[in-house]
Amino acid sequence: MSIKVAEDLLLWCTIINYALLLYWAALFCLAHDRFHRILGRWFHLSREQFDGFNAIGMTIYKLGIILFNLAPYVALRIVT
């Protein structure tokens, strides 16, 4: 795999993962009550626990995107 192909791959992975993160955030904001009713029943979560788990999940996912997609992409762009 050439460096150009790796750059393109990492760029598209970053874009797709950020799109998924934005979709998750939009669902959380727009359909919060509906998902809390469903998932709260399944896992016996209070509203505060549900919000906390979503915030932690989105934070970990965003850090993963930055560490595994964006940082290597920027490093490859700097090197080439």
Protein backbone atom coordinates (compact mmCIF):
# COMPACT_ATOMS: atom_id res chain seq x y z
CA MET A 1 0.00 0.00 0.00
CA SER A 2 1.42 3.35 -0.98
CA ILE A 3 1.46 6.34 1.32
CA LYS A 4 -1.09 8.15 -0.87
CA VAL A 5 -3.52 5.23 -0.58
CA ALA A 6 -3.01 5.14 3.21
CA GLU A 7 -3.68 8.89 3.41
CA ASP A 8 -6.87 8.54 1.41
CA LEU A 9 -8.00 5.58 3.52
CA LEU A 10 -7.41 7.42 6.79
CA LEU A 11 -9.13 10.55 5.49
CA TRP A 12 -12.24 8.60 4.46
CA CYS A 13 -12.24 6.64 7.73
CA THR A 14 -12.14 9.93 9.62
CA ILE A 15 -14.99 11.41 7.58
CA ILE A 16 -17.19 8.31 7.92
CA ASN A 17 -16.54 7.97 11.65
CA TYR A 18 -17.30 11.64 12.30
CA ALA A 19 -20.52 11.25 10.30
CA LEU A 20 -21.49 8.32 12.53
CA LEU A 21 -20.64 10.37 15.62
CA LEU A 22 -22.81 13.25 14.39
CA TYR A 23 -25.64 10.80 13.64
CA TRP A 24 -25.36 9.40 17.19
CA ALA A 25 -25.41 12.92 18.64
CA ALA A 26 -28.42 13.89 16.50
CA LEU A 27 -30.32 10.77 17.58
CA PHE A 28 -29.44 11.49 21.18
CA CYS A 29 -30.71 15.07 20.94
CA LEU A 30 -33.78 14.50 18.79
CA ALA A 31 -35.05 11.15 20.04
CA HIS A 32 -33.76 11.23 23.61
CA ASP A 33 -37.02 10.38 25.34
CA ARG A 34 -37.90 7.54 22.98
CA PHE A 35 -34.51 5.84 23.34
CA HIS A 36 -34.49 6.37 27.09
CA ARG A 37 -37.88 4.67 27.38
CA ILE A 38 -36.71 1.67 25.36
CA LEU A 39 -33.18 1.27 26.71
CA GLY A 40 -34.12 2.36 30.22
CA ARG A 41 -36.58 -0.50 30.39
CA TRP A 42 -34.09 -3.04 29.04
CA PHE A 43 -31.18 -2.03 31.26
CA HIS A 44 -33.02 -0.34 34.18
CA LEU A 45 -31.27 3.01 33.66
CA SER A 46 -32.29 6.31 35.14
CA ARG A 47 -32.30 9.36 32.89
CA GLU A 48 -29.02 10.58 34.44
CA GLN A 49 -27.33 7.20 33.90
CA PHE A 50 -28.56 7.08 30.30
CA ASP A 51 -27.22 10.58 29.62
CA GLY A 52 -23.92 9.76 31.31
CA PHE A 53 -23.40 6.55 29.35
CA ASN A 54 -24.12 8.33 26.09
CA ALA A 55 -21.75 11.19 26.93
CA ILE A 56 -18.97 8.76 27.91
CA GLY A 57 -19.60 6.63 24.82
CA MET A 58 -19.47 9.60 22.48
CA THR A 59 -16.30 10.86 24.17
CA ILE A 60 -14.52 7.51 23.89
CA TYR A 61 -15.63 7.15 20.27
CA LYS A 62 -14.39 10.66 19.44
CA LEU A 63 -11.03 9.99 21.11
CA GLY A 64 -10.75 6.77 19.11
CA ILE A 65 -11.38 8.66 15.88
CA ILE A 66 -8.73 11.21 16.75
CA LEU A 67 -6.14 8.66 17.89
CA PHE A 68 -6.63 6.01 15.21
CA ASN A 69 -7.73 8.01 12.16
CA LEU A 70 -7.00 11.72 12.38
CA ALA A 71 -3.58 11.68 14.07
CA PRO A 72 -2.08 9.11 11.66
CA TYR A 73 -3.55 11.04 8.72
CA VAL A 74 -1.99 14.29 9.91
CA ALA A 75 1.33 12.52 10.54
CA LEU A 76 1.35 11.10 7.01
CA ARG A 77 0.51 14.52 5.57
CA ILE A 78 3.41 16.07 7.49
CA VAL A 79 5.87 13.38 6.38
CA THR A 80 4.98 13.58 2.69
